[in-house]
Amino acid sequence: MGKTLEQEYRTLLKVISENLKRLRKRAQLTQEQVSHQGGFHTRFYQKLESGTYSPNLFTLVRAARALKAKLSDLLSTNHQKHA
C-alpha cells in the first residue's frame, strides 16, 4: 500500500526544509541574511528551514527569490545529499 496523505505531506515538508538549507549554504548566506532578503523574521525563516512550519506558495516564492533560486529548486528531490 502507498503512503498516506500525512506521510506525503511530511516528506514534502522535509524536502523543502532540506533544500532551503542546502541552497542557503550553497549561496554562502546566513539565516539572517536570507531572512532580511526575503522579508522574513529570522525565527520564522528558521522554522521554515527546520521543517516546523508549513510554508504557503507566497512564502516559497519569496524564499526562492531571496536565495536566487527557482521555486522548483525548493521542491526538487533531484539533488545529491552532502554530508
N, C-alpha and C. Protein backbone atom coordinates (compact mmCIF):
# COMPACT_ATOMS: atom_id res chain seq x y z
N MET A 1 0.84 -1.18 0.00
CA MET A 1 0.00 0.00 0.00
C MET A 1 0.89 1.25 0.00
N GLY A 2 0.45 2.33 -0.64
CA GLY A 2 1.22 3.56 -0.77
C GLY A 2 1.22 4.39 0.50
N LYS A 3 1.92 5.49 0.41
CA LYS A 3 2.00 6.41 1.54
C LYS A 3 0.64 7.07 1.80
N THR A 4 0.42 7.38 3.06
CA THR A 4 -0.78 8.13 3.40
C THR A 4 -0.57 9.59 3.03
N LEU A 5 -1.64 10.33 2.99
CA LEU A 5 -1.56 11.76 2.70
C LEU A 5 -0.65 12.46 3.71
N GLU A 6 -0.76 12.09 4.97
CA GLU A 6 0.07 12.68 6.03
C GLU A 6 1.55 12.39 5.80
N GLN A 7 1.88 11.17 5.38
CA GLN A 7 3.26 10.80 5.10
C GLN A 7 3.80 11.58 3.91
N GLU A 8 3.00 11.73 2.87
CA GLU A 8 3.42 12.50 1.69
C GLU A 8 3.68 13.96 2.06
N TYR A 9 2.79 14.52 2.88
CA TYR A 9 2.93 15.90 3.34
C TYR A 9 4.22 16.07 4.12
N ARG A 10 4.48 15.17 5.07
CA ARG A 10 5.70 15.26 5.89
C ARG A 10 6.96 15.10 5.04
N THR A 11 6.90 14.23 4.06
CA THR A 11 8.05 14.03 3.16
C THR A 11 8.33 15.31 2.37
N LEU A 12 7.29 15.93 1.84
CA LEU A 12 7.47 17.17 1.07
C LEU A 12 7.98 18.30 1.96
N LEU A 13 7.48 18.39 3.16
CA LEU A 13 7.94 19.41 4.10
C LEU A 13 9.44 19.22 4.40
N LYS A 14 9.86 17.98 4.54
CA LYS A 14 11.28 17.68 4.78
C LYS A 14 12.12 18.05 3.57
N VAL A 15 11.64 17.75 2.38
CA VAL A 15 12.35 18.08 1.15
C VAL A 15 12.55 19.60 1.06
N ILE A 16 11.48 20.35 1.32
CA ILE A 16 11.57 21.81 1.25
C ILE A 16 12.56 22.34 2.27
N SER A 17 12.49 21.86 3.49
CA SER A 17 13.39 22.38 4.53
C SER A 17 14.85 22.03 4.20
N GLU A 18 15.11 20.83 3.72
CA GLU A 18 16.47 20.44 3.34
C GLU A 18 16.98 21.27 2.17
N ASN A 19 16.11 21.55 1.20
CA ASN A 19 16.52 22.35 0.05
C ASN A 19 16.78 23.80 0.45
N LEU A 20 15.98 24.35 1.36
CA LEU A 20 16.25 25.71 1.84
C LEU A 20 17.64 25.79 2.44
N LYS A 21 17.96 24.85 3.30
CA LYS A 21 19.27 24.84 3.96
C LYS A 21 20.40 24.64 2.94
N ARG A 22 20.21 23.69 2.02
CA ARG A 22 21.24 23.39 1.02
C ARG A 22 21.50 24.60 0.13
N LEU A 23 20.43 25.23 -0.34
CA LEU A 23 20.58 26.40 -1.22
C LEU A 23 21.19 27.59 -0.48
N ARG A 24 20.83 27.76 0.79
CA ARG A 24 21.40 28.85 1.58
C ARG A 24 22.90 28.65 1.76
N LYS A 25 23.29 27.42 2.09
CA LYS A 25 24.72 27.14 2.28
C LYS A 25 25.48 27.28 0.97
N ARG A 26 24.86 26.83 -0.13
CA ARG A 26 25.50 26.96 -1.44
C ARG A 26 25.75 28.43 -1.78
N ALA A 27 24.81 29.29 -1.38
CA ALA A 27 24.94 30.73 -1.63
C ALA A 27 25.81 31.42 -0.58
N GLN A 28 26.28 30.65 0.39
CA GLN A 28 27.12 31.16 1.47
C GLN A 28 26.44 32.32 2.21
N LEU A 29 25.18 32.09 2.56
CA LEU A 29 24.39 33.08 3.29
C LEU A 29 24.05 32.55 4.67
N THR A 30 23.87 33.45 5.61
CA THR A 30 23.38 33.07 6.93
C THR A 30 21.85 33.07 6.90
N GLN A 31 21.26 32.48 7.91
CA GLN A 31 19.80 32.52 8.02
C GLN A 31 19.33 33.96 8.14
N GLU A 32 20.08 34.78 8.83
CA GLU A 32 19.72 36.19 8.99
C GLU A 32 19.73 36.92 7.66
N GLN A 33 20.72 36.63 6.82
CA GLN A 33 20.80 37.28 5.51
C GLN A 33 19.63 36.88 4.62
N VAL A 34 19.29 35.60 4.61
CA VAL A 34 18.15 35.14 3.81
C VAL A 34 16.87 35.77 4.34
N SER A 35 16.75 35.82 5.66
CA SER A 35 15.56 36.42 6.27
C SER A 35 15.40 37.87 5.84
N HIS A 36 16.48 38.61 5.90
CA HIS A 36 16.43 40.02 5.51
C HIS A 36 16.06 40.16 4.03
N GLN A 37 16.70 39.38 3.17
CA GLN A 37 16.46 39.48 1.73
C GLN A 37 15.04 39.03 1.37
N GLY A 38 14.49 38.09 2.14
CA GLY A 38 13.15 37.59 1.84
C GLY A 38 12.05 38.33 2.57
N GLY A 39 12.45 39.24 3.47
CA GLY A 39 11.45 39.99 4.23
C GLY A 39 10.81 39.16 5.34
N PHE A 40 11.56 38.21 5.88
CA PHE A 40 11.08 37.34 6.95
C PHE A 40 11.70 37.75 8.28
N HIS A 41 11.04 37.43 9.38
CA HIS A 41 11.68 37.47 10.67
C HIS A 41 12.62 36.27 10.71
N THR A 42 13.77 36.42 11.33
CA THR A 42 14.74 35.34 11.35
C THR A 42 14.16 34.06 11.96
N ARG A 43 13.44 34.18 13.06
CA ARG A 43 12.86 33.00 13.70
C ARG A 43 11.87 32.29 12.77
N PHE A 44 11.13 33.04 11.98
CA PHE A 44 10.21 32.45 11.02
C PHE A 44 10.99 31.64 9.98
N TYR A 45 12.07 32.23 9.46
CA TYR A 45 12.87 31.51 8.46
C TYR A 45 13.48 30.26 9.08
N GLN A 46 13.93 30.35 10.32
CA GLN A 46 14.49 29.17 10.98
C GLN A 46 13.46 28.05 11.06
N LYS A 47 12.21 28.39 11.30
CA LYS A 47 11.14 27.39 11.34
C LYS A 47 10.92 26.78 9.96
N LEU A 48 11.06 27.57 8.91
CA LEU A 48 10.95 27.02 7.55
C LEU A 48 12.06 26.01 7.30
N GLU A 49 13.27 26.40 7.67
CA GLU A 49 14.44 25.56 7.40
C GLU A 49 14.44 24.30 8.28
N SER A 50 13.83 24.36 9.42
CA SER A 50 13.79 23.18 10.30
C SER A 50 12.61 22.28 9.98
N GLY A 51 11.70 22.75 9.14
CA GLY A 51 10.55 21.94 8.76
C GLY A 51 9.43 21.97 9.80
N THR A 52 9.47 22.95 10.71
CA THR A 52 8.42 23.03 11.73
C THR A 52 7.30 23.98 11.33
N TYR A 53 7.42 24.60 10.16
CA TYR A 53 6.36 25.47 9.66
C TYR A 53 6.09 25.08 8.21
N SER A 54 4.84 24.98 7.86
CA SER A 54 4.45 24.63 6.50
C SER A 54 4.23 25.92 5.70
N PRO A 55 5.12 26.21 4.74
CA PRO A 55 5.02 27.47 4.01
C PRO A 55 3.91 27.46 2.97
N ASN A 56 3.33 28.64 2.75
CA ASN A 56 2.38 28.77 1.64
C ASN A 56 3.17 29.12 0.38
N LEU A 57 2.48 29.19 -0.72
CA LEU A 57 3.14 29.43 -2.01
C LEU A 57 3.85 30.78 -2.04
N PHE A 58 3.24 31.81 -1.50
CA PHE A 58 3.86 33.14 -1.48
C PHE A 58 5.18 33.11 -0.70
N THR A 59 5.20 32.42 0.41
CA THR A 59 6.41 32.30 1.21
C THR A 59 7.49 31.56 0.44
N LEU A 60 7.12 30.50 -0.26
CA LEU A 60 8.10 29.76 -1.06
C LEU A 60 8.70 30.62 -2.17
N VAL A 61 7.86 31.42 -2.81
CA VAL A 61 8.36 32.30 -3.88
C VAL A 61 9.32 33.33 -3.30
N ARG A 62 8.99 33.90 -2.15
CA ARG A 62 9.88 34.88 -1.50
C ARG A 62 11.20 34.23 -1.10
N ALA A 63 11.15 33.02 -0.57
CA ALA A 63 12.37 32.33 -0.16
C ALA A 63 13.24 32.01 -1.38
N ALA A 64 12.62 31.54 -2.44
CA ALA A 64 13.38 31.23 -3.66
C ALA A 64 14.05 32.49 -4.19
N ARG A 65 13.33 33.59 -4.21
CA ARG A 65 13.90 34.86 -4.68
C ARG A 65 15.08 35.28 -3.80
N ALA A 66 14.93 35.16 -2.48
CA ALA A 66 16.00 35.54 -1.56
C ALA A 66 17.24 34.68 -1.76
N LEU A 67 17.03 33.43 -2.16
CA LEU A 67 18.15 32.51 -2.39
C LEU A 67 18.65 32.53 -3.83
N LYS A 68 18.04 33.39 -4.66
CA LYS A 68 18.37 33.46 -6.09
C LYS A 68 18.25 32.07 -6.73
N ALA A 69 17.14 31.42 -6.42
CA ALA A 69 16.87 30.08 -6.92
C ALA A 69 15.49 30.06 -7.56
N LYS A 70 15.18 28.97 -8.23
CA LYS A 70 13.85 28.79 -8.81
C LYS A 70 12.96 28.09 -7.78
N LEU A 71 11.68 28.33 -7.87
CA LEU A 71 10.73 27.66 -6.99
C LEU A 71 10.90 26.14 -7.10
N SER A 72 11.12 25.67 -8.29
CA SER A 72 11.29 24.22 -8.49
C SER A 72 12.50 23.68 -7.72
N ASP A 73 13.51 24.52 -7.47
CA ASP A 73 14.67 24.08 -6.69
C ASP A 73 14.29 23.76 -5.26
N LEU A 74 13.28 24.44 -4.74
CA LEU A 74 12.84 24.18 -3.36
C LEU A 74 12.04 22.89 -3.25
N LEU A 75 11.43 22.48 -4.35
CA LEU A 75 10.58 21.30 -4.34
C LEU A 75 11.26 20.05 -4.89
N SER A 76 12.45 20.21 -5.43
CA SER A 76 13.13 19.14 -6.12
C SER A 76 13.71 18.09 -5.18
N THR A 77 13.57 16.84 -5.58
CA THR A 77 14.23 15.74 -4.87
C THR A 77 15.44 15.25 -5.66
N ASN A 78 15.76 15.95 -6.74
CA ASN A 78 16.85 15.55 -7.62
C ASN A 78 18.15 16.28 -7.31
N HIS A 79 18.70 16.04 -6.13
CA HIS A 79 19.98 16.63 -5.79
C HIS A 79 20.76 15.65 -4.94
N GLN A 80 22.05 15.83 -4.94
CA GLN A 80 22.94 14.99 -4.15
C GLN A 80 22.92 15.47 -2.71
N LYS A 81 22.85 14.55 -1.77
CA LYS A 81 22.97 14.91 -0.36
C LYS A 81 24.45 15.08 -0.05
N HIS A 82 24.73 16.13 0.70
CA HIS A 82 26.09 16.37 1.14
C HIS A 82 26.18 16.11 2.63
N ALA A 83 27.20 15.38 3.03
CA ALA A 83 27.36 15.07 4.45
C ALA A 83 27.91 16.24 5.22
